[in-house]
């Protein structure tokens, strides 16, 4: 059933590459704080090494993961097989937030597609890879990516995204501050909003 590994093996990376969705889990230290679980689509995850992964985080209605990482760093990424052999894989470790206009952003951002509304890159340094059976995960057919978020971000434009981030992404639902900078990448423009 469940197996644990200190790092990704080549077969783990192959499994991850086939997944169309992954889930990100984080939580504040406070017992009263809300645990967050976010689904992520699009081609935004990259394996950087057997113990490091990163994903391009797009502007959305909240920014819980960023706030939790700022406070305590704890982060889990989970993948589920919805087709083929059953499998669940979790990567457990510490996250960091990479913001635009940093040297690490300049290094990592070219690894991802230039999606509108890119606000930060979340990097996970993990020391535990766990697989489990996934016997109860249903079969589901992949039909394609939703383009709703991309259209929304493109329609907002750079100034609209900047204003949205200021209003909606500076604090978690528990009032925790995020490390998010104010620069947001444009759709076809690698420059940033001031």
C-alpha atoms as a PDB file:
ATOM      1  CA  UNK A   1       0.000   0.000   0.000  1.00  0.00           C
ATOM      2  CA  UNK A   2       1.759   3.207   1.156  1.00  0.00           C
ATOM      3  CA  UNK A   3       5.477   3.676   0.518  1.00  0.00           C
ATOM      4  CA  UNK A   4       7.855   6.443   1.521  1.00  0.00           C
ATOM      5  CA  UNK A   5      10.921   7.767  -0.292  1.00  0.00           C
ATOM      6  CA  UNK A   6      13.492  10.449   0.504  1.00  0.00           C
ATOM      7  CA  UNK A   7      13.400  11.795  -3.067  1.00  0.00           C
ATOM      8  CA  UNK A   8      11.615  11.373  -6.384  1.00  0.00           C
ATOM      9  CA  UNK A   9      12.523   8.379  -8.510  1.00  0.00           C
ATOM     10  CA  UNK A  10      12.301   8.521 -12.340  1.00  0.00           C
ATOM     11  CA  UNK A  11       8.987   6.616 -12.270  1.00  0.00           C
ATOM     12  CA  UNK A  12       7.580   9.208  -9.860  1.00  0.00           C
ATOM     13  CA  UNK A  13       8.532  12.017 -12.243  1.00  0.00           C
ATOM     14  CA  UNK A  14       6.880  10.133 -15.113  1.00  0.00           C
ATOM     15  CA  UNK A  15       3.685   9.800 -13.067  1.00  0.00           C
ATOM     16  CA  UNK A  16       3.684  13.517 -12.214  1.00  0.00           C
ATOM     17  CA  UNK A  17       4.218  14.481 -15.869  1.00  0.00           C
ATOM     18  CA  UNK A  18       1.001  12.654 -16.844  1.00  0.00           C
ATOM     19  CA  UNK A  19      -1.228  14.452 -14.333  1.00  0.00           C
ATOM     20  CA  UNK A  20      -3.487  17.295 -15.477  1.00  0.00           C
ATOM     21  CA  UNK A  21      -4.230  18.566 -11.971  1.00  0.00           C
ATOM     22  CA  UNK A  22      -2.469  18.707  -8.622  1.00  0.00           C
ATOM     23  CA  UNK A  23      -3.508  19.915  -5.194  1.00  0.00           C
ATOM     24  CA  UNK A  24      -1.625  22.188  -2.797  1.00  0.00           C
ATOM     25  CA  UNK A  25      -2.205  21.981   0.957  1.00  0.00           C
ATOM     26  CA  UNK A  26      -1.078  24.462   3.613  1.00  0.00           C
ATOM     27  CA  UNK A  27      -2.186  25.671   7.032  1.00  0.00           C
ATOM     28  CA  UNK A  28      -1.420  28.397   9.548  1.00  0.00           C
ATOM     29  CA  UNK A  29       0.037  27.517  12.950  1.00  0.00           C
ATOM     30  CA  UNK A  30      -3.037  28.835  14.758  1.00  0.00           C
ATOM     31  CA  UNK A  31      -5.555  26.184  15.783  1.00  0.00           C
ATOM     32  CA  UNK A  32      -8.271  28.676  14.810  1.00  0.00           C
ATOM     33  CA  UNK A  33      -6.814  29.241  11.330  1.00  0.00           C
ATOM     34  CA  UNK A  34      -8.233  27.682   8.198  1.00  0.00           C
ATOM     35  CA  UNK A  35      -6.510  24.792   6.434  1.00  0.00           C
ATOM     36  CA  UNK A  36      -6.218  25.506   2.718  1.00  0.00           C
ATOM     37  CA  UNK A  37      -6.418  23.062  -0.190  1.00  0.00           C
ATOM     38  CA  UNK A  38      -6.107  24.441  -3.729  1.00  0.00           C
ATOM     39  CA  UNK A  39      -6.460  22.624  -7.063  1.00  0.00           C
ATOM     40  CA  UNK A  40      -4.019  23.699  -9.776  1.00  0.00           C
ATOM     41  CA  UNK A  41      -4.440  23.134 -13.502  1.00  0.00           C
ATOM     42  CA  UNK A  42      -2.612  24.210 -16.644  1.00  0.00           C
ATOM     43  CA  UNK A  43       0.981  23.236 -17.328  1.00  0.00           C
ATOM     44  CA  UNK A  44       2.409  25.107 -14.329  1.00  0.00           C
ATOM     45  CA  UNK A  45       4.425  22.531 -12.354  1.00  0.00           C
ATOM     46  CA  UNK A  46       8.099  21.762 -12.913  1.00  0.00           C
ATOM     47  CA  UNK A  47      10.333  19.210 -11.208  1.00  0.00           C
ATOM     48  CA  UNK A  48      13.630  21.010 -10.604  1.00  0.00           C
ATOM     49  CA  UNK A  49      15.489  18.134  -8.920  1.00  0.00           C
ATOM     50  CA  UNK A  50      14.641  14.902  -7.057  1.00  0.00           C
ATOM     51  CA  UNK A  51      13.886  17.042  -3.968  1.00  0.00           C
ATOM     52  CA  UNK A  52      12.635  20.297  -5.471  1.00  0.00           C
ATOM     53  CA  UNK A  53       9.544  21.304  -7.438  1.00  0.00           C
ATOM     54  CA  UNK A  54       8.034  24.644  -8.388  1.00  0.00           C
ATOM     55  CA  UNK A  55       4.756  25.867  -9.790  1.00  0.00           C
ATOM     56  CA  UNK A  56       3.712  29.130 -11.386  1.00  0.00           C
ATOM     57  CA  UNK A  57       0.966  30.578  -9.203  1.00  0.00           C
ATOM     58  CA  UNK A  58      -1.730  32.567 -10.989  1.00  0.00           C
ATOM     59  CA  UNK A  59      -3.757  35.432  -9.563  1.00  0.00           C
ATOM     60  CA  UNK A  60      -6.937  34.134  -7.979  1.00  0.00           C
ATOM     61  CA  UNK A  61      -9.587  34.940  -5.429  1.00  0.00           C
ATOM     62  CA  UNK A  62      -7.271  34.252  -2.491  1.00  0.00           C
ATOM     63  CA  UNK A  63      -3.623  33.841  -1.613  1.00  0.00           C
ATOM     64  CA  UNK A  64      -3.727  31.440   1.322  1.00  0.00           C
ATOM     65  CA  UNK A  65      -0.711  29.324   0.356  1.00  0.00           C
ATOM     66  CA  UNK A  66       1.534  32.377   0.169  1.00  0.00           C
ATOM     67  CA  UNK A  67       0.433  33.600   3.608  1.00  0.00           C
ATOM     68  CA  UNK A  68       0.935  30.181   5.195  1.00  0.00           C
ATOM     69  CA  UNK A  69       4.377  29.777   3.633  1.00  0.00           C
ATOM     70  CA  UNK A  70       5.344  33.211   4.919  1.00  0.00           C
ATOM     71  CA  UNK A  71       4.343  32.181   8.435  1.00  0.00           C
ATOM     72  CA  UNK A  72       5.627  28.609   8.701  1.00  0.00           C
ATOM     73  CA  UNK A  73       6.754  27.225   5.324  1.00  0.00           C
ATOM     74  CA  UNK A  74       4.804  23.963   5.569  1.00  0.00           C
ATOM     75  CA  UNK A  75       3.525  22.779   2.205  1.00  0.00           C
ATOM     76  CA  UNK A  76       2.238  19.567   0.630  1.00  0.00           C
ATOM     77  CA  UNK A  77       1.588  18.899  -3.048  1.00  0.00           C
ATOM     78  CA  UNK A  78      -0.643  15.947  -3.946  1.00  0.00           C
ATOM     79  CA  UNK A  79      -1.240  14.163  -7.254  1.00  0.00           C
ATOM     80  CA  UNK A  80      -3.992  11.596  -7.953  1.00  0.00           C
ATOM     81  CA  UNK A  81      -4.325   9.193 -10.857  1.00  0.00           C
ATOM     82  CA  UNK A  82      -7.767   9.683 -12.393  1.00  0.00           C
ATOM     83  CA  UNK A  83      -6.902   7.362 -15.275  1.00  0.00           C
ATOM     84  CA  UNK A  84      -4.676   4.308 -15.580  1.00  0.00           C
ATOM     85  CA  UNK A  85      -3.324   2.475 -12.551  1.00  0.00           C
ATOM     86  CA  UNK A  86      -4.464   3.838  -9.169  1.00  0.00           C
ATOM     87  CA  UNK A  87      -1.944   5.981  -7.334  1.00  0.00           C
ATOM     88  CA  UNK A  88      -1.739   8.959  -4.996  1.00  0.00           C
ATOM     89  CA  UNK A  89       1.560  10.783  -4.471  1.00  0.00           C
ATOM     90  CA  UNK A  90       2.341  13.484  -1.937  1.00  0.00           C
ATOM     91  CA  UNK A  91       5.416  15.686  -1.681  1.00  0.00           C
ATOM     92  CA  UNK A  92       5.986  16.996   1.872  1.00  0.00           C
ATOM     93  CA  UNK A  93       8.330  19.852   2.615  1.00  0.00           C
ATOM     94  CA  UNK A  94       8.959  23.551   3.015  1.00  0.00           C
ATOM     95  CA  UNK A  95       7.800  26.144   0.537  1.00  0.00           C
ATOM     96  CA  UNK A  96       9.183  29.495  -0.463  1.00  0.00           C
ATOM     97  CA  UNK A  97       7.556  32.273  -2.444  1.00  0.00           C
ATOM     98  CA  UNK A  98       9.484  33.703  -5.387  1.00  0.00           C
ATOM     99  CA  UNK A  99       8.319  37.155  -6.430  1.00  0.00           C
ATOM    100  CA  UNK A 100       8.781  39.039  -9.703  1.00  0.00           C
ATOM    101  CA  UNK A 101      11.858  41.244  -9.980  1.00  0.00           C
ATOM    102  CA  UNK A 102      14.057  38.824  -8.033  1.00  0.00           C
ATOM    103  CA  UNK A 103      17.024  36.877  -9.377  1.00  0.00           C
ATOM    104  CA  UNK A 104      15.262  33.581  -8.641  1.00  0.00           C
ATOM    105  CA  UNK A 105      12.171  34.731 -10.596  1.00  0.00           C
ATOM    106  CA  UNK A 106      14.380  35.551 -13.584  1.00  0.00           C
ATOM    107  CA  UNK A 107      15.875  32.065 -13.348  1.00  0.00           C
ATOM    108  CA  UNK A 108      12.609  30.139 -12.894  1.00  0.00           C
ATOM    109  CA  UNK A 109       9.964  32.080 -14.835  1.00  0.00           C
ATOM    110  CA  UNK A 110      11.267  31.039 -18.308  1.00  0.00           C
ATOM    111  CA  UNK A 111      10.540  27.399 -17.364  1.00  0.00           C
ATOM    112  CA  UNK A 112       6.793  28.087 -17.484  1.00  0.00           C
ATOM    113  CA  UNK A 113       4.326  29.103 -20.177  1.00  0.00           C
ATOM    114  CA  UNK A 114       3.686  32.880 -20.212  1.00  0.00           C
ATOM    115  CA  UNK A 115       0.205  32.798 -18.665  1.00  0.00           C
ATOM    116  CA  UNK A 116      -1.659  36.015 -17.872  1.00  0.00           C
ATOM    117  CA  UNK A 117      -1.900  36.876 -14.194  1.00  0.00           C
ATOM    118  CA  UNK A 118       1.269  35.102 -13.041  1.00  0.00           C
ATOM    119  CA  UNK A 119       1.797  36.556  -9.565  1.00  0.00           C
ATOM    120  CA  UNK A 120       4.455  34.388  -7.905  1.00  0.00           C
ATOM    121  CA  UNK A 121       6.282  31.082  -8.129  1.00  0.00           C
ATOM    122  CA  UNK A 122       5.926  28.646  -5.261  1.00  0.00           C
ATOM    123  CA  UNK A 123       8.996  26.459  -4.725  1.00  0.00           C
ATOM    124  CA  UNK A 124       8.765  23.290  -2.632  1.00  0.00           C
ATOM    125  CA  UNK A 125      11.901  21.724  -1.159  1.00  0.00           C
ATOM    126  CA  UNK A 126      10.681  18.320  -0.026  1.00  0.00           C
ATOM    127  CA  UNK A 127      12.263  15.590   2.058  1.00  0.00           C
ATOM    128  CA  UNK A 128       9.442  13.052   1.917  1.00  0.00           C
ATOM    129  CA  UNK A 129       7.688  11.499  -1.081  1.00  0.00           C
ATOM    130  CA  UNK A 130       4.797   9.241  -0.167  1.00  0.00           C
ATOM    131  CA  UNK A 131       2.744   7.077  -2.475  1.00  0.00           C
ATOM    132  CA  UNK A 132      -0.478   5.313  -1.538  1.00  0.00           C
ATOM    133  CA  UNK A 133      -2.959   3.065  -3.262  1.00  0.00           C
ATOM    134  CA  UNK A 134      -5.570   5.469  -4.601  1.00  0.00           C
ATOM    135  CA  UNK A 135      -8.016   2.544  -4.883  1.00  0.00           C
ATOM    136  CA  UNK A 136     -11.015   4.779  -4.072  1.00  0.00           C
ATOM    137  CA  UNK A 137     -10.119   7.589  -6.507  1.00  0.00           C
ATOM    138  CA  UNK A 138     -12.658   7.503  -9.373  1.00  0.00           C
ATOM    139  CA  UNK A 139     -11.834   7.323 -13.058  1.00  0.00           C
ATOM    140  CA  UNK A 140     -12.330  10.671 -14.739  1.00  0.00           C
ATOM    141  CA  UNK A 141     -11.758  11.742 -18.341  1.00  0.00           C
ATOM    142  CA  UNK A 142      -9.659  14.776 -19.139  1.00  0.00           C
ATOM    143  CA  UNK A 143     -11.377  17.048 -21.678  1.00  0.00           C
ATOM    144  CA  UNK A 144      -9.058  20.042 -21.609  1.00  0.00           C
ATOM    145  CA  UNK A 145      -8.038  23.083 -19.622  1.00  0.00           C
ATOM    146  CA  UNK A 146     -10.522  25.786 -18.681  1.00  0.00           C
ATOM    147  CA  UNK A 147      -9.494  29.101 -20.201  1.00  0.00           C
ATOM    148  CA  UNK A 148     -11.713  31.170 -17.910  1.00  0.00           C
ATOM    149  CA  UNK A 149      -8.919  32.363 -15.602  1.00  0.00           C
ATOM    150  CA  UNK A 150      -6.676  33.304 -18.516  1.00  0.00           C
ATOM    151  CA  UNK A 151      -9.475  35.285 -20.195  1.00  0.00           C
ATOM    152  CA  UNK A 152     -10.332  36.988 -16.892  1.00  0.00           C
ATOM    153  CA  UNK A 153      -6.698  38.014 -16.285  1.00  0.00           C
ATOM    154  CA  UNK A 154      -6.248  39.222 -19.867  1.00  0.00           C
ATOM    155  CA  UNK A 155      -9.449  41.305 -19.637  1.00  0.00           C
ATOM    156  CA  UNK A 156      -8.329  42.854 -16.336  1.00  0.00           C
ATOM    157  CA  UNK A 157      -5.084  44.020 -17.926  1.00  0.00           C
ATOM    158  CA  UNK A 158      -1.977  44.965 -16.010  1.00  0.00           C
ATOM    159  CA  UNK A 159      -3.492  47.831 -14.023  1.00  0.00           C
ATOM    160  CA  UNK A 160      -6.653  45.859 -13.253  1.00  0.00           C
ATOM    161  CA  UNK A 161      -4.610  42.913 -11.994  1.00  0.00           C
ATOM    162  CA  UNK A 162      -2.490  45.194  -9.848  1.00  0.00           C
ATOM    163  CA  UNK A 163      -5.590  46.681  -8.255  1.00  0.00           C
ATOM    164  CA  UNK A 164      -7.170  43.236  -7.765  1.00  0.00           C
ATOM    165  CA  UNK A 165      -4.023  41.916  -6.056  1.00  0.00           C
ATOM    166  CA  UNK A 166      -3.941  44.925  -3.759  1.00  0.00           C
ATOM    167  CA  UNK A 167      -7.588  44.387  -2.798  1.00  0.00           C
ATOM    168  CA  UNK A 168      -7.827  40.581  -2.661  1.00  0.00           C
ATOM    169  CA  UNK A 169      -4.386  38.954  -2.363  1.00  0.00           C
ATOM    170  CA  UNK A 170      -2.516  40.894   0.339  1.00  0.00           C
ATOM    171  CA  UNK A 171      -4.012  38.945   3.270  1.00  0.00           C
ATOM    172  CA  UNK A 172      -5.330  35.439   3.874  1.00  0.00           C
ATOM    173  CA  UNK A 173      -8.914  34.814   4.960  1.00  0.00           C
ATOM    174  CA  UNK A 174      -7.521  34.700   8.522  1.00  0.00           C
ATOM    175  CA  UNK A 175      -5.920  38.145   8.091  1.00  0.00           C
ATOM    176  CA  UNK A 176      -2.366  36.845   7.683  1.00  0.00           C
ATOM    177  CA  UNK A 177      -0.161  38.982   5.394  1.00  0.00           C
ATOM    178  CA  UNK A 178       1.282  37.507   2.221  1.00  0.00           C
ATOM    179  CA  UNK A 179       4.761  38.219   0.829  1.00  0.00           C
ATOM    180  CA  UNK A 180       3.258  39.060  -2.542  1.00  0.00           C
ATOM    181  CA  UNK A 181       4.858  41.879  -4.470  1.00  0.00           C
ATOM    182  CA  UNK A 182       2.796  44.229  -6.572  1.00  0.00           C
ATOM    183  CA  UNK A 183       4.220  43.206  -9.931  1.00  0.00           C
ATOM    184  CA  UNK A 184       2.111  40.899 -12.066  1.00  0.00           C
ATOM    185  CA  UNK A 185       3.240  39.422 -15.385  1.00  0.00           C
ATOM    186  CA  UNK A 186       1.290  40.329 -18.498  1.00  0.00           C
ATOM    187  CA  UNK A 187      -0.155  37.856 -20.977  1.00  0.00           C
ATOM    188  CA  UNK A 188       2.126  38.422 -23.934  1.00  0.00           C
ATOM    189  CA  UNK A 189       4.498  40.767 -22.210  1.00  0.00           C
ATOM    190  CA  UNK A 190       7.285  39.530 -19.963  1.00  0.00           C
ATOM    191  CA  UNK A 191       7.475  42.969 -18.372  1.00  0.00           C
ATOM    192  CA  UNK A 192       5.821  43.627 -15.044  1.00  0.00           C
ATOM    193  CA  UNK A 193       3.280  46.037 -13.695  1.00  0.00           C
ATOM    194  CA  UNK A 194       4.701  48.710 -11.423  1.00  0.00           C
END
